[in-house]
Amino acid sequence: MATTRYRRFGPRLTVSLSDDDYDRLQALADKGEVSISWVVRRAIEDYLHRHPQPLAQKPRPAHRRERQAV
């Protein structure tokens, strides 16, 4: 029987970090007993809350699955 994985979040994002930034994020995650992804999502939420006005609106490229369906 095939299983379907449930994704709670939308599109994925890849970010390159300095070793120091990564280590600091890992330390915060360890201290809070959460994942680095959780820390980053929380930081993004906080940033967007403090900056409610969207930056320049650029058309977002179609998601890979949407491009394949065309």
Protein backbone atom coordinates (compact mmCIF):
# COMPACT_ATOMS: atom_id res chain seq x y z
CA MET A 1 0.00 0.00 0.00
CA ALA A 2 1.43 3.38 -1.00
CA THR A 3 1.54 6.04 1.65
CA THR A 4 0.99 9.72 1.04
CA ARG A 5 3.14 12.11 3.00
CA TYR A 6 1.28 15.05 4.46
CA ARG A 7 3.02 18.42 4.09
CA ARG A 8 1.95 21.02 6.60
CA PHE A 9 3.85 23.81 4.90
CA GLY A 10 3.84 25.27 1.42
CA PRO A 11 6.79 25.90 -0.88
CA ARG A 12 10.30 25.09 0.27
CA LEU A 13 13.17 27.54 0.37
CA THR A 14 16.89 26.89 0.28
CA VAL A 15 19.14 29.37 2.08
CA SER A 16 22.92 29.41 2.40
CA LEU A 17 24.28 30.51 5.78
CA SER A 18 27.68 31.26 7.21
CA ASP A 19 29.04 28.62 9.57
CA ASP A 20 28.65 31.06 12.47
CA ASP A 21 24.98 31.82 11.68
CA TYR A 22 24.22 28.11 11.34
CA ASP A 23 25.91 27.34 14.66
CA ARG A 24 23.96 30.12 16.38
CA LEU A 25 20.67 28.85 14.93
CA GLN A 26 21.52 25.32 16.02
CA ALA A 27 22.25 26.55 19.57
CA LEU A 28 18.90 28.37 19.70
CA ALA A 29 17.09 25.32 18.39
CA ASP A 30 18.81 23.03 20.90
CA LYS A 31 18.02 25.39 23.77
CA GLY A 32 14.34 25.47 22.81
CA GLU A 33 14.25 21.76 21.93
CA VAL A 34 12.97 22.57 18.44
CA SER A 35 14.32 22.22 14.91
CA ILE A 36 16.35 24.83 13.06
CA SER A 37 13.46 24.97 10.57
CA TRP A 38 11.10 25.93 13.39
CA VAL A 39 13.46 28.71 14.51
CA VAL A 40 13.74 30.04 10.95
CA ARG A 41 9.97 29.92 10.35
CA ARG A 42 9.42 31.80 13.62
CA ALA A 43 12.03 34.42 12.66
CA ILE A 44 10.34 34.92 9.28
CA GLU A 45 6.92 35.28 10.94
CA ASP A 46 8.33 37.86 13.38
CA TYR A 47 10.03 39.79 10.56
CA LEU A 48 6.89 39.86 8.42
CA HIS A 49 4.80 40.95 11.41
CA ARG A 50 7.17 43.89 12.01
CA HIS A 51 7.15 44.80 8.29
CA PRO A 52 3.49 44.48 7.24
CA GLN A 53 3.90 46.38 3.98
CA PRO A 54 4.97 44.03 1.20
CA LEU A 55 8.16 44.83 -0.60
CA ALA A 56 8.06 45.28 -4.37
CA GLN A 57 5.58 42.77 -5.75
CA LYS A 58 7.22 40.67 -8.43
CA PRO A 59 5.33 37.90 -10.18
CA ARG A 60 6.22 34.63 -8.51
CA PRO A 61 7.37 31.91 -10.89
CA ALA A 62 5.04 28.95 -11.14
CA HIS A 63 5.74 26.11 -8.78
CA ARG A 64 7.51 23.16 -10.42
CA ARG A 65 4.34 21.02 -10.35
CA GLU A 66 2.31 23.82 -11.94
CA ARG A 67 4.89 24.24 -14.73
CA GLN A 68 4.83 20.52 -15.47
CA ALA A 69 1.05 20.46 -15.70
CA VAL A 70 1.02 23.03 -18.53
